[in-house]
Amino acid sequence: MSFLETFWSIIIFCLFLSYLILLFQILIDILRDSSISGWTKAVWIFFLLAAPVITALVYIIVRGGSMSERGVRTANTAQQETEQYLRRVAGMQSPAGQIASAKALLDAGTVTDAEYAQLKAKALA
């Protein structure tokens, strides 16, 4: 097998992989979109299976903008949920509790006055 044949095979494989990723992204977007009915979803999926290339192009043209908005909204929601989970698991206290913890560290001599002031300012921020 020559170098050009190998290079061409790699290009074809990458294009095919990109095509499959696009189809799965469209399928996921169809299933997650709550603004369209079940019948509309079924029609999109039917055409996506029957004529995938044309349907993918039409879907991107018709619904591409809202597809990216839904993706951003989903990512933001996931980030907020992750932050809430981490705060809950890490045992984040109220500002008063954080200041009390910092005061206990100051009284124990673990932190200096400057570090205590910094912790207090961070808790109040």
PDB file of N, CA and C in Angstrom:
ATOM      1  N   MET A   1       0.852  -1.173   0.000  1.00  0.00           N
ATOM      2  CA  MET A   1       0.000   0.000   0.000  1.00  0.00           C
ATOM      3  C   MET A   1       0.901   1.241   0.000  1.00  0.00           C
ATOM      4  N   SER A   2       0.627   2.141  -0.894  1.00  0.00           N
ATOM      5  CA  SER A   2       1.473   3.325  -1.014  1.00  0.00           C
ATOM      6  C   SER A   2       1.092   4.378   0.023  1.00  0.00           C
ATOM      7  N   PHE A   3       1.937   5.385   0.117  1.00  0.00           N
ATOM      8  CA  PHE A   3       1.702   6.468   1.067  1.00  0.00           C
ATOM      9  C   PHE A   3       0.410   7.204   0.746  1.00  0.00           C
ATOM     10  N   LEU A   4       0.154   7.482  -0.523  1.00  0.00           N
ATOM     11  CA  LEU A   4      -1.052   8.209  -0.914  1.00  0.00           C
ATOM     12  C   LEU A   4      -2.325   7.424  -0.592  1.00  0.00           C
ATOM     13  N   GLU A   5      -2.288   6.116  -0.809  1.00  0.00           N
ATOM     14  CA  GLU A   5      -3.451   5.289  -0.476  1.00  0.00           C
ATOM     15  C   GLU A   5      -3.714   5.308   1.027  1.00  0.00           C
ATOM     16  N   THR A   6      -2.665   5.232   1.816  1.00  0.00           N
ATOM     17  CA  THR A   6      -2.799   5.273   3.271  1.00  0.00           C
ATOM     18  C   THR A   6      -3.320   6.627   3.721  1.00  0.00           C
ATOM     19  N   PHE A   7      -2.764   7.695   3.162  1.00  0.00           N
ATOM     20  CA  PHE A   7      -3.198   9.046   3.506  1.00  0.00           C
ATOM     21  C   PHE A   7      -4.665   9.251   3.128  1.00  0.00           C
ATOM     22  N   TRP A   8      -5.038   8.798   1.935  1.00  0.00           N
ATOM     23  CA  TRP A   8      -6.428   8.921   1.485  1.00  0.00           C
ATOM     24  C   TRP A   8      -7.365   8.117   2.404  1.00  0.00           C
ATOM     25  N   SER A   9      -6.952   6.951   2.829  1.00  0.00           N
ATOM     26  CA  SER A   9      -7.764   6.135   3.738  1.00  0.00           C
ATOM     27  C   SER A   9      -7.968   6.850   5.077  1.00  0.00           C
ATOM     28  N   ILE A  10      -6.938   7.499   5.560  1.00  0.00           N
ATOM     29  CA  ILE A  10      -7.057   8.238   6.818  1.00  0.00           C
ATOM     30  C   ILE A  10      -8.024   9.402   6.665  1.00  0.00           C
ATOM     31  N   ILE A  11      -7.943  10.114   5.559  1.00  0.00           N
ATOM     32  CA  ILE A  11      -8.860  11.233   5.312  1.00  0.00           C
ATOM     33  C   ILE A  11     -10.300  10.741   5.232  1.00  0.00           C
ATOM     34  N   ILE A  12     -10.535   9.677   4.510  1.00  0.00           N
ATOM     35  CA  ILE A  12     -11.890   9.118   4.385  1.00  0.00           C
ATOM     36  C   ILE A  12     -12.410   8.691   5.748  1.00  0.00           C
ATOM     37  N   PHE A  13     -11.575   8.038   6.544  1.00  0.00           N
ATOM     38  CA  PHE A  13     -11.991   7.602   7.876  1.00  0.00           C
ATOM     39  C   PHE A  13     -12.349   8.799   8.752  1.00  0.00           C
ATOM     40  N   CYS A  14     -11.547   9.868   8.712  1.00  0.00           N
ATOM     41  CA  CYS A  14     -11.827  11.064   9.519  1.00  0.00           C
ATOM     42  C   CYS A  14     -13.133  11.728   9.078  1.00  0.00           C
ATOM     43  N   LEU A  15     -13.360  11.802   7.784  1.00  0.00           N
ATOM     44  CA  LEU A  15     -14.614  12.377   7.288  1.00  0.00           C
ATOM     45  C   LEU A  15     -15.816  11.533   7.702  1.00  0.00           C
ATOM     46  N   PHE A  16     -15.688  10.227   7.622  1.00  0.00           N
ATOM     47  CA  PHE A  16     -16.776   9.342   8.027  1.00  0.00           C
ATOM     48  C   PHE A  16     -17.044   9.465   9.521  1.00  0.00           C
ATOM     49  N   LEU A  17     -15.996   9.551  10.310  1.00  0.00           N
ATOM     50  CA  LEU A  17     -16.155   9.718  11.748  1.00  0.00           C
ATOM     51  C   LEU A  17     -16.839  11.053  12.068  1.00  0.00           C
ATOM     52  N   SER A  18     -16.457  12.113  11.373  1.00  0.00           N
ATOM     53  CA  SER A  18     -17.092  13.417  11.554  1.00  0.00           C
ATOM     54  C   SER A  18     -18.572  13.355  11.194  1.00  0.00           C
ATOM     55  N   TYR A  19     -18.886  12.647  10.121  1.00  0.00           N
ATOM     56  CA  TYR A  19     -20.271  12.476   9.692  1.00  0.00           C
ATOM     57  C   TYR A  19     -21.082  11.747  10.762  1.00  0.00           C
ATOM     58  N   LEU A  20     -20.524  10.690  11.330  1.00  0.00           N
ATOM     59  CA  LEU A  20     -21.229   9.949  12.379  1.00  0.00           C
ATOM     60  C   LEU A  20     -21.437  10.810  13.624  1.00  0.00           C
ATOM     61  N   ILE A  21     -20.437  11.593  13.983  1.00  0.00           N
ATOM     62  CA  ILE A  21     -20.571  12.484  15.138  1.00  0.00           C
ATOM     63  C   ILE A  21     -21.689  13.486  14.895  1.00  0.00           C
ATOM     64  N   LEU A  22     -21.751  14.039  13.688  1.00  0.00           N
ATOM     65  CA  LEU A  22     -22.811  14.980  13.339  1.00  0.00           C
ATOM     66  C   LEU A  22     -24.187  14.324  13.442  1.00  0.00           C
ATOM     67  N   LEU A  23     -24.325  13.112  12.918  1.00  0.00           N
ATOM     68  CA  LEU A  23     -25.616  12.423  12.999  1.00  0.00           C
ATOM     69  C   LEU A  23     -26.035  12.180  14.447  1.00  0.00           C
ATOM     70  N   PHE A  24     -25.102  11.772  15.284  1.00  0.00           N
ATOM     71  CA  PHE A  24     -25.441  11.532  16.687  1.00  0.00           C
ATOM     72  C   PHE A  24     -25.768  12.834  17.416  1.00  0.00           C
ATOM     73  N   GLN A  25     -25.066  13.911  17.087  1.00  0.00           N
ATOM     74  CA  GLN A  25     -25.388  15.206  17.690  1.00  0.00           C
ATOM     75  C   GLN A  25     -26.800  15.642  17.313  1.00  0.00           C
ATOM     76  N   ILE A  26     -27.168  15.444  16.051  1.00  0.00           N
ATOM     77  CA  ILE A  26     -28.517  15.803  15.607  1.00  0.00           C
ATOM     78  C   ILE A  26     -29.547  14.928  16.300  1.00  0.00           C
ATOM     79  N   LEU A  27     -29.286  13.637  16.390  1.00  0.00           N
ATOM     80  CA  LEU A  27     -30.215  12.721  17.050  1.00  0.00           C
ATOM     81  C   LEU A  27     -30.400  13.096  18.516  1.00  0.00           C
ATOM     82  N   ILE A  28     -29.323  13.398  19.204  1.00  0.00           N
ATOM     83  CA  ILE A  28     -29.405  13.807  20.606  1.00  0.00           C
ATOM     84  C   ILE A  28     -30.186  15.106  20.742  1.00  0.00           C
ATOM     85  N   ASP A  29     -29.933  16.054  19.831  1.00  0.00           N
ATOM     86  CA  ASP A  29     -30.639  17.326  19.881  1.00  0.00           C
ATOM     87  C   ASP A  29     -32.136  17.131  19.647  1.00  0.00           C
ATOM     88  N   ILE A  30     -32.485  16.263  18.722  1.00  0.00           N
ATOM     89  CA  ILE A  30     -33.902  15.993  18.463  1.00  0.00           C
ATOM     90  C   ILE A  30     -34.564  15.427  19.711  1.00  0.00           C
ATOM     91  N   LEU A  31     -33.924  14.462  20.335  1.00  0.00           N
ATOM     92  CA  LEU A  31     -34.529  13.802  21.493  1.00  0.00           C
ATOM     93  C   LEU A  31     -34.587  14.703  22.726  1.00  0.00           C
ATOM     94  N   ARG A  32     -33.646  15.625  22.873  1.00  0.00           N
ATOM     95  CA  ARG A  32     -33.626  16.507  24.045  1.00  0.00           C
ATOM     96  C   ARG A  32     -34.512  17.735  23.901  1.00  0.00           C
ATOM     97  N   ASP A  33     -34.894  18.079  22.676  1.00  0.00           N
ATOM     98  CA  ASP A  33     -35.651  19.304  22.452  1.00  0.00           C
ATOM     99  C   ASP A  33     -37.089  19.126  22.931  1.00  0.00           C
ATOM    100  N   SER A  34     -37.461  19.899  23.942  1.00  0.00           N
ATOM    101  CA  SER A  34     -38.810  19.794  24.490  1.00  0.00           C
ATOM    102  C   SER A  34     -39.811  20.686  23.756  1.00  0.00           C
ATOM    103  N   SER A  35     -39.331  21.506  22.825  1.00  0.00           N
ATOM    104  CA  SER A  35     -40.247  22.412  22.128  1.00  0.00           C
ATOM    105  C   SER A  35     -40.947  21.750  20.945  1.00  0.00           C
ATOM    106  N   ILE A  36     -40.518  20.568  20.522  1.00  0.00           N
ATOM    107  CA  ILE A  36     -41.190  19.885  19.420  1.00  0.00           C
ATOM    108  C   ILE A  36     -41.908  18.650  19.954  1.00  0.00           C
ATOM    109  N   SER A  37     -42.978  18.303  19.263  1.00  0.00           N
ATOM    110  CA  SER A  37     -43.810  17.180  19.721  1.00  0.00           C
ATOM    111  C   SER A  37     -43.153  15.843  19.391  1.00  0.00           C
ATOM    112  N   GLY A  38     -43.723  14.799  19.932  1.00  0.00           N
ATOM    113  CA  GLY A  38     -43.218  13.453  19.689  1.00  0.00           C
ATOM    114  C   GLY A  38     -43.337  13.040  18.235  1.00  0.00           C
ATOM    115  N   TRP A  39     -44.424  13.437  17.583  1.00  0.00           N
ATOM    116  CA  TRP A  39     -44.611  13.097  16.169  1.00  0.00           C
ATOM    117  C   TRP A  39     -43.577  13.799  15.312  1.00  0.00           C
ATOM    118  N   THR A  40     -43.277  15.043  15.623  1.00  0.00           N
ATOM    119  CA  THR A  40     -42.268  15.779  14.868  1.00  0.00           C
ATOM    120  C   THR A  40     -40.896  15.139  15.060  1.00  0.00           C
ATOM    121  N   LYS A  41     -40.622  14.710  16.281  1.00  0.00           N
ATOM    122  CA  LYS A  41     -39.359  14.018  16.540  1.00  0.00           C
ATOM    123  C   LYS A  41     -39.284  12.730  15.726  1.00  0.00           C
ATOM    124  N   ALA A  42     -40.394  12.002  15.685  1.00  0.00           N
ATOM    125  CA  ALA A  42     -40.425  10.744  14.934  1.00  0.00           C
ATOM    126  C   ALA A  42     -40.189  10.987  13.449  1.00  0.00           C
ATOM    127  N   VAL A  43     -40.769  12.055  12.913  1.00  0.00           N
ATOM    128  CA  VAL A  43     -40.581  12.372  11.490  1.00  0.00           C
ATOM    129  C   VAL A  43     -39.117  12.724  11.218  1.00  0.00           C
ATOM    130  N   TRP A  44     -38.517  13.564  12.070  1.00  0.00           N
ATOM    131  CA  TRP A  44     -37.109  13.921  11.897  1.00  0.00           C
ATOM    132  C   TRP A  44     -36.239  12.667  11.941  1.00  0.00           C
ATOM    133  N   ILE A  45     -36.482  11.795  12.902  1.00  0.00           N
ATOM    134  CA  ILE A  45     -35.668  10.586  13.037  1.00  0.00           C
ATOM    135  C   ILE A  45     -35.864   9.661  11.845  1.00  0.00           C
ATOM    136  N   PHE A  46     -37.119   9.536  11.360  1.00  0.00           N
ATOM    137  CA  PHE A  46     -37.375   8.697  10.183  1.00  0.00           C
ATOM    138  C   PHE A  46     -36.567   9.187   8.991  1.00  0.00           C
ATOM    139  N   PHE A  47     -36.643  10.494   8.724  1.00  0.00           N
ATOM    140  CA  PHE A  47     -35.900  11.025   7.586  1.00  0.00           C
ATOM    141  C   PHE A  47     -34.389  10.979   7.819  1.00  0.00           C
ATOM    142  N   LEU A  48     -33.976  11.087   9.071  1.00  0.00           N
ATOM    143  CA  LEU A  48     -32.550  10.981   9.381  1.00  0.00           C
ATOM    144  C   LEU A  48     -32.031   9.571   9.071  1.00  0.00           C
ATOM    145  N   LEU A  49     -32.881   8.571   9.267  1.00  0.00           N
ATOM    146  CA  LEU A  49     -32.493   7.200   8.937  1.00  0.00           C
ATOM    147  C   LEU A  49     -32.654   6.900   7.452  1.00  0.00           C
ATOM    148  N   ALA A  50     -33.689   7.465   6.809  1.00  0.00           N
ATOM    149  CA  ALA A  50     -33.978   7.174   5.407  1.00  0.00           C
ATOM    150  C   ALA A  50     -33.027   7.917   4.464  1.00  0.00           C
ATOM    151  N   ALA A  51     -32.802   9.194   4.724  1.00  0.00           N
ATOM    152  CA  ALA A  51     -31.926  10.006   3.869  1.00  0.00           C
ATOM    153  C   ALA A  51     -31.036  10.860   4.779  1.00  0.00           C
ATOM    154  N   PRO A  52     -30.029  10.255   5.363  1.00  0.00           N
ATOM    155  CA  PRO A  52     -29.268  10.943   6.409  1.00  0.00           C
ATOM    156  C   PRO A  52     -28.536  12.203   5.962  1.00  0.00           C
ATOM    157  N   VAL A  53     -27.936  12.204   4.799  1.00  0.00           N
ATOM    158  CA  VAL A  53     -27.135  13.359   4.385  1.00  0.00           C
ATOM    159  C   VAL A  53     -28.027  14.571   4.146  1.00  0.00           C
ATOM    160  N   ILE A  54     -29.076  14.397   3.385  1.00  0.00           N
ATOM    161  CA  ILE A  54     -29.989  15.508   3.077  1.00  0.00           C
ATOM    162  C   ILE A  54     -30.685  15.991   4.344  1.00  0.00           C
ATOM    163  N   THR A  55     -31.148  15.056   5.164  1.00  0.00           N
ATOM    164  CA  THR A  55     -31.836  15.432   6.393  1.00  0.00           C
ATOM    165  C   THR A  55     -30.901  16.170   7.344  1.00  0.00           C
ATOM    166  N   ALA A  56     -29.666  15.728   7.444  1.00  0.00           N
ATOM    167  CA  ALA A  56     -28.702  16.410   8.316  1.00  0.00           C
ATOM    168  C   ALA A  56     -28.466  17.839   7.844  1.00  0.00           C
ATOM    169  N   LEU A  57     -28.314  18.028   6.554  1.00  0.00           N
ATOM    170  CA  LEU A  57     -28.128  19.376   6.021  1.00  0.00           C
ATOM    171  C   LEU A  57     -29.342  20.256   6.275  1.00  0.00           C
ATOM    172  N   VAL A  58     -30.539  19.708   6.027  1.00  0.00           N
ATOM    173  CA  VAL A  58     -31.772  20.472   6.249  1.00  0.00           C
ATOM    174  C   VAL A  58     -31.908  20.811   7.730  1.00  0.00           C
ATOM    175  N   TYR A  59     -31.633  19.861   8.601  1.00  0.00           N
ATOM    176  CA  TYR A  59     -31.752  20.097  10.041  1.00  0.00           C
ATOM    177  C   TYR A  59     -30.807  21.198  10.491  1.00  0.00           C
ATOM    178  N   ILE A  60     -29.582  21.160  10.009  1.00  0.00           N
ATOM    179  CA  ILE A  60     -28.615  22.191  10.396  1.00  0.00           C
ATOM    180  C   ILE A  60     -29.046  23.558   9.883  1.00  0.00           C
ATOM    181  N   ILE A  61     -29.588  23.615   8.688  1.00  0.00           N
ATOM    182  CA  ILE A  61     -30.045  24.893   8.138  1.00  0.00           C
ATOM    183  C   ILE A  61     -31.249  25.411   8.906  1.00  0.00           C
ATOM    184  N   VAL A  62     -32.224  24.532   9.162  1.00  0.00           N
ATOM    185  CA  VAL A  62     -33.482  24.953   9.788  1.00  0.00           C
ATOM    186  C   VAL A  62     -33.328  25.179  11.285  1.00  0.00           C
ATOM    187  N   ARG A  63     -32.650  24.288  11.975  1.00  0.00           N
ATOM    188  CA  ARG A  63     -32.623  24.329  13.433  1.00  0.00           C
ATOM    189  C   ARG A  63     -31.224  24.468  14.020  1.00  0.00           C
ATOM    190  N   GLY A  64     -30.234  24.799  13.203  1.00  0.00           N
ATOM    191  CA  GLY A  64     -28.843  24.875  13.661  1.00  0.00           C
ATOM    192  C   GLY A  64     -28.608  25.913  14.741  1.00  0.00           C
ATOM    193  N   GLY A  65     -29.218  27.090  14.593  1.00  0.00           N
ATOM    194  CA  GLY A  65     -29.028  28.151  15.593  1.00  0.00           C
ATOM    195  C   GLY A  65     -29.579  27.762  16.943  1.00  0.00           C
ATOM    196  N   SER A  66     -30.784  27.225  16.947  1.00  0.00           N
ATOM    197  CA  SER A  66     -31.369  26.820  18.224  1.00  0.00           C
ATOM    198  C   SER A  66     -30.665  25.592  18.794  1.00  0.00           C
ATOM    199  N   MET A  67     -30.045  24.809  17.919  1.00  0.00           N
ATOM    200  CA  MET A  67     -29.293  23.634  18.376  1.00  0.00           C
ATOM    201  C   MET A  67     -28.112  24.082  19.234  1.00  0.00           C
ATOM    202  N   SER A  68     -27.413  25.104  18.808  1.00  0.00           N
ATOM    203  CA  SER A  68     -26.274  25.575  19.594  1.00  0.00           C
ATOM    204  C   SER A  68     -26.738  26.252  20.882  1.00  0.00           C
ATOM    205  N   GLU A  69     -27.867  26.968  20.845  1.00  0.00           N
ATOM    206  CA  GLU A  69     -28.399  27.593  22.056  1.00  0.00           C
ATOM    207  C   GLU A  69     -28.777  26.545  23.094  1.00  0.00           C
ATOM    208  N   ARG A  70     -29.409  25.456  22.643  1.00  0.00           N
ATOM    209  CA  ARG A  70     -29.761  24.385  23.570  1.00  0.00           C
ATOM    210  C   ARG A  70     -28.515  23.731  24.150  1.00  0.00           C
ATOM    211  N   GLY A  71     -27.471  23.594  23.349  1.00  0.00           N
ATOM    212  CA  GLY A  71     -26.219  23.025  23.834  1.00  0.00           C
ATOM    213  C   GLY A  71     -25.579  23.893  24.899  1.00  0.00           C
ATOM    214  N   VAL A  72     -25.580  25.202  24.682  1.00  0.00           N
ATOM    215  CA  VAL A  72     -25.015  26.133  25.664  1.00  0.00           C
ATOM    216  C   VAL A  72     -25.845  26.114  26.937  1.00  0.00           C
ATOM    217  N   ARG A  73     -27.167  26.107  26.794  1.00  0.00           N
ATOM    218  CA  ARG A  73     -28.041  26.084  27.968  1.00  0.00           C
ATOM    219  C   ARG A  73     -27.830  24.798  28.771  1.00  0.00           C
ATOM    220  N   THR A  74     -27.691  23.673  28.079  1.00  0.00           N
ATOM    221  CA  THR A  74     -27.446  22.398  28.761  1.00  0.00           C
ATOM    222  C   THR A  74     -26.104  22.417  29.490  1.00  0.00           C
ATOM    223  N   ALA A  75     -25.083  22.965  28.848  1.00  0.00           N
ATOM    224  CA  ALA A  75     -23.760  23.039  29.483  1.00  0.00           C
ATOM    225  C   ALA A  75     -23.786  23.944  30.712  1.00  0.00           C
ATOM    226  N   ASN A  76     -24.477  25.076  30.619  1.00  0.00           N
ATOM    227  CA  ASN A  76     -24.576  25.985  31.769  1.00  0.00           C
ATOM    228  C   ASN A  76     -25.318  25.337  32.923  1.00  0.00           C
ATOM    229  N   THR A  77     -26.402  24.640  32.617  1.00  0.00           N
ATOM    230  CA  THR A  77     -27.163  23.939  33.657  1.00  0.00           C
ATOM    231  C   THR A  77     -26.301  22.877  34.334  1.00  0.00           C
ATOM    232  N   ALA A  78     -25.562  22.121  33.536  1.00  0.00           N
ATOM    233  CA  ALA A  78     -24.693  21.082  34.100  1.00  0.00           C
ATOM    234  C   ALA A  78     -23.611  21.696  34.980  1.00  0.00           C
ATOM    235  N   GLN A  79     -23.061  22.830  34.560  1.00  0.00           N
ATOM    236  CA  GLN A  79     -22.028  23.495  35.362  1.00  0.00           C
ATOM    237  C   GLN A  79     -22.598  23.987  36.680  1.00  0.00           C
ATOM    238  N   GLN A  80     -23.795  24.580  36.648  1.00  0.00           N
ATOM    239  CA  GLN A  80     -24.411  25.071  37.888  1.00  0.00           C
ATOM    240  C   GLN A  80     -24.722  23.926  38.838  1.00  0.00           C
ATOM    241  N   GLU A  81     -25.230  22.826  38.295  1.00  0.00           N
ATOM    242  CA  GLU A  81     -25.530  21.673  39.145  1.00  0.00           C
ATOM    243  C   GLU A  81     -24.260  21.098  39.755  1.00  0.00           C
ATOM    244  N   THR A  82     -23.185  21.073  38.980  1.00  0.00           N
ATOM    245  CA  THR A  82     -21.912  20.572  39.491  1.00  0.00           C
ATOM    246  C   THR A  82     -21.390  21.465  40.611  1.00  0.00           C
ATOM    247  N   GLU A  83     -21.470  22.776  40.414  1.00  0.00           N
ATOM    248  CA  GLU A  83     -21.014  23.704  41.454  1.00  0.00           C
ATOM    249  C   GLU A  83     -21.842  23.562  42.724  1.00  0.00           C
ATOM    250  N   GLN A  84     -23.165  23.411  42.579  1.00  0.00           N
ATOM    251  CA  GLN A  84     -24.021  23.228  43.752  1.00  0.00           C
ATOM    252  C   GLN A  84     -23.667  21.937  44.473  1.00  0.00           C
ATOM    253  N   TYR A  85     -23.421  20.878  43.719  1.00  0.00           N
ATOM    254  CA  TYR A  85     -23.059  19.594  44.313  1.00  0.00           C
ATOM    255  C   TYR A  85     -21.729  19.703  45.063  1.00  0.00           C
ATOM    256  N   LEU A  86     -20.752  20.346  44.432  1.00  0.00           N
ATOM    257  CA  LEU A  86     -19.448  20.476  45.086  1.00  0.00           C
ATOM    258  C   LEU A  86     -19.538  21.309  46.350  1.00  0.00           C
ATOM    259  N   ARG A  87     -20.344  22.359  46.329  1.00  0.00           N
ATOM    260  CA  ARG A  87     -20.510  23.172  47.546  1.00  0.00           C
ATOM    261  C   ARG A  87     -21.147  22.342  48.658  1.00  0.00           C
ATOM    262  N   ARG A  88     -22.149  21.544  48.280  1.00  0.00           N
ATOM    263  CA  ARG A  88     -22.838  20.730  49.286  1.00  0.00           C
ATOM    264  C   ARG A  88     -21.901  19.657  49.840  1.00  0.00           C
ATOM    265  N   VAL A  89     -21.140  19.014  48.969  1.00  0.00           N
ATOM    266  CA  VAL A  89     -20.248  17.935  49.404  1.00  0.00           C
ATOM    267  C   VAL A  89     -19.062  18.496  50.184  1.00  0.00           C
ATOM    268  N   ALA A  90     -18.550  19.631  49.766  1.00  0.00           N
ATOM    269  CA  ALA A  90     -17.397  20.220  50.450  1.00  0.00           C
ATOM    270  C   ALA A  90     -17.781  20.824  51.786  1.00  0.00           C
ATOM    271  N   GLY A  91     -19.063  20.925  52.060  1.00  0.00           N
ATOM    272  CA  GLY A  91     -19.509  21.448  53.340  1.00  0.00           C
ATOM    273  C   GLY A  91     -19.312  22.940  53.457  1.00  0.00           C
ATOM    274  N   MET A  92     -19.573  23.641  52.375  1.00  0.00           N
ATOM    275  CA  MET A  92     -19.443  25.098  52.419  1.00  0.00           C
ATOM    276  C   MET A  92     -20.410  25.633  53.465  1.00  0.00           C
ATOM    277  N   GLN A  93     -19.903  26.466  54.338  1.00  0.00           N
ATOM    278  CA  GLN A  93     -20.693  27.019  55.423  1.00  0.00           C
ATOM    279  C   GLN A  93     -21.207  28.392  55.034  1.00  0.00           C
ATOM    280  N   SER A  94     -22.029  28.907  55.879  1.00  0.00           N
ATOM    281  CA  SER A  94     -22.478  30.288  55.709  1.00  0.00           C
ATOM    282  C   SER A  94     -21.292  31.205  55.986  1.00  0.00           C
ATOM    283  N   PRO A  95     -21.379  32.466  55.570  1.00  0.00           N
ATOM    284  CA  PRO A  95     -20.268  33.383  55.865  1.00  0.00           C
ATOM    285  C   PRO A  95     -19.954  33.474  57.360  1.00  0.00           C
ATOM    286  N   ALA A  96     -20.985  33.450  58.190  1.00  0.00           N
ATOM    287  CA  ALA A  96     -20.744  33.513  59.633  1.00  0.00           C
ATOM    288  C   ALA A  96     -19.979  32.281  60.111  1.00  0.00           C
ATOM    289  N   GLY A  97     -20.314  31.116  59.581  1.00  0.00           N
ATOM    290  CA  GLY A  97     -19.604  29.894  59.957  1.00  0.00           C
ATOM    291  C   GLY A  97     -18.162  29.908  59.494  1.00  0.00           C
ATOM    292  N   GLN A  98     -17.927  30.460  58.298  1.00  0.00           N
ATOM    293  CA  GLN A  98     -16.558  30.560  57.798  1.00  0.00           C
ATOM    294  C   GLN A  98     -15.727  31.518  58.649  1.00  0.00           C
ATOM    295  N   ILE A  99     -16.345  32.628  59.050  1.00  0.00           N
ATOM    296  CA  ILE A  99     -15.627  33.587  59.896  1.00  0.00           C
ATOM    297  C   ILE A  99     -15.321  32.975  61.258  1.00  0.00           C
ATOM    298  N   ALA A 100     -16.271  32.201  61.798  1.00  0.00           N
ATOM    299  CA  ALA A 100     -16.047  31.540  63.082  1.00  0.00           C
ATOM    300  C   ALA A 100     -14.912  30.523  62.976  1.00  0.00           C
ATOM    301  N   SER A 101     -14.872  29.788  61.856  1.00  0.00           N
ATOM    302  CA  SER A 101     -13.779  28.834  61.649  1.00  0.00           C
ATOM    303  C   SER A 101     -12.450  29.556  61.546  1.00  0.00           C
ATOM    304  N   ALA A 102     -12.442  30.681  60.825  1.00  0.00           N
ATOM    305  CA  ALA A 102     -11.211  31.459  60.689  1.00  0.00           C
ATOM    306  C   ALA A 102     -10.776  32.017  62.040  1.00  0.00           C
ATOM    307  N   LYS A 103     -11.738  32.447  62.876  1.00  0.00           N
ATOM    308  CA  LYS A 103     -11.427  32.980  64.213  1.00  0.00           C
ATOM    309  C   LYS A 103     -10.821  31.879  65.088  1.00  0.00           C
ATOM    310  N   ALA A 104     -11.367  30.654  64.944  1.00  0.00           N
ATOM    311  CA  ALA A 104     -10.825  29.531  65.712  1.00  0.00           C
ATOM    312  C   ALA A 104      -9.384  29.250  65.293  1.00  0.00           C
ATOM    313  N   LEU A 105      -9.101  29.357  63.997  1.00  0.00           N
ATOM    314  CA  LEU A 105      -7.726  29.175  63.522  1.00  0.00           C
ATOM    315  C   LEU A 105      -6.810  30.272  64.055  1.00  0.00           C
ATOM    316  N   LEU A 106      -7.332  31.502  64.109  1.00  0.00           N
ATOM    317  CA  LEU A 106      -6.542  32.619  64.641  1.00  0.00           C
ATOM    318  C   LEU A 106      -6.249  32.407  66.122  1.00  0.00           C
ATOM    319  N   ASP A 107      -7.273  31.996  66.876  1.00  0.00           N
ATOM    320  CA  ASP A 107      -7.092  31.764  68.309  1.00  0.00           C
ATOM    321  C   ASP A 107      -6.115  30.628  68.576  1.00  0.00           C
ATOM    322  N   ALA A 108      -6.101  29.632  67.696  1.00  0.00           N
ATOM    323  CA  ALA A 108      -5.193  28.503  67.871  1.00  0.00           C
ATOM    324  C   ALA A 108      -3.781  28.844  67.413  1.00  0.00           C
ATOM    325  N   GLY A 109      -3.626  29.983  66.769  1.00  0.00           N
ATOM    326  CA  GLY A 109      -2.295  30.392  66.310  1.00  0.00           C
ATOM    327  C   GLY A 109      -1.911  29.787  64.977  1.00  0.00           C
ATOM    328  N   THR A 110      -2.863  29.178  64.300  1.00  0.00           N
ATOM    329  CA  THR A 110      -2.581  28.549  63.012  1.00  0.00           C
ATOM    330  C   THR A 110      -2.390  29.586  61.910  1.00  0.00           C
ATOM    331  N   VAL A 111      -3.156  30.684  61.989  1.00  0.00           N
ATOM    332  CA  VAL A 111      -3.051  31.744  60.985  1.00  0.00           C
ATOM    333  C   VAL A 111      -2.676  33.055  61.672  1.00  0.00           C
ATOM    334  N   THR A 112      -2.126  33.949  60.886  1.00  0.00           N
ATOM    335  CA  THR A 112      -1.766  35.265  61.409  1.00  0.00           C
ATOM    336  C   THR A 112      -2.959  36.208  61.296  1.00  0.00           C
ATOM    337  N   ASP A 113      -2.789  37.409  61.862  1.00  0.00           N
ATOM    338  CA  ASP A 113      -3.865  38.402  61.776  1.00  0.00           C
ATOM    339  C   ASP A 113      -4.167  38.774  60.328  1.00  0.00           C
ATOM    340  N   ALA A 114      -3.115  38.890  59.510  1.00  0.00           N
ATOM    341  CA  ALA A 114      -3.302  39.241  58.102  1.00  0.00           C
ATOM    342  C   ALA A 114      -4.058  38.125  57.366  1.00  0.00           C
ATOM    343  N   GLU A 115      -3.700  36.876  57.663  1.00  0.00           N
ATOM    344  CA  GLU A 115      -4.394  35.750  57.022  1.00  0.00           C
ATOM    345  C   GLU A 115      -5.844  35.679  57.490  1.00  0.00           C
ATOM    346  N   TYR A 116      -6.078  35.962  58.760  1.00  0.00           N
ATOM    347  CA  TYR A 116      -7.448  35.984  59.277  1.00  0.00           C
ATOM    348  C   TYR A 116      -8.265  37.053  58.563  1.00  0.00           C
ATOM    349  N   ALA A 117      -7.692  38.225  58.388  1.00  0.00           N
ATOM    350  CA  ALA A 117      -8.410  39.309  57.685  1.00  0.00           C
ATOM    351  C   ALA A 117      -8.717  38.901  56.253  1.00  0.00           C
ATOM    352  N   GLN A 118      -7.782  38.202  55.629  1.00  0.00           N
ATOM    353  CA  GLN A 118      -7.995  37.749  54.262  1.00  0.00           C
ATOM    354  C   GLN A 118      -9.129  36.705  54.196  1.00  0.00           C
ATOM    355  N   LEU A 119      -9.123  35.757  55.137  1.00  0.00           N
ATOM    356  CA  LEU A 119     -10.189  34.740  55.185  1.00  0.00           C
ATOM    357  C   LEU A 119     -11.542  35.376  55.453  1.00  0.00           C
ATOM    358  N   LYS A 120     -11.560  36.361  56.342  1.00  0.00           N
ATOM    359  CA  LYS A 120     -12.802  37.062  56.667  1.00  0.00           C
ATOM    360  C   LYS A 120     -13.332  37.817  55.452  1.00  0.00           C
ATOM    361  N   ALA A 121     -12.445  38.490  54.730  1.00  0.00           N
ATOM    362  CA  ALA A 121     -12.864  39.227  53.524  1.00  0.00           C
ATOM    363  C   ALA A 121     -13.368  38.263  52.464  1.00  0.00           C
ATOM    364  N   LYS A 122     -12.747  37.110  52.340  1.00  0.00           N
ATOM    365  CA  LYS A 122     -13.184  36.112  51.362  1.00  0.00           C
ATOM    366  C   LYS A 122     -14.550  35.558  51.723  1.00  0.00           C
ATOM    367  N   ALA A 123     -14.806  35.357  53.006  1.00  0.00           N
ATOM    368  CA  ALA A 123     -16.098  34.836  53.460  1.00  0.00           C
ATOM    369  C   ALA A 123     -17.209  35.854  53.230  1.00  0.00           C
ATOM    370  N   LEU A 124     -16.888  37.128  53.363  1.00  0.00           N
ATOM    371  CA  LEU A 124     -17.895  38.172  53.185  1.00  0.00           C
ATOM    372  C   LEU A 124     -18.134  38.531  51.722  1.00  0.00           C
ATOM    373  N   ALA A 125     -17.240  38.101  50.849  1.00  0.00           N
ATOM    374  CA  ALA A 125     -17.372  38.428  49.417  1.00  0.00           C
ATOM    375  C   ALA A 125     -18.484  37.641  48.758  1.00  0.00           C
TER     376      ALA A 125
END
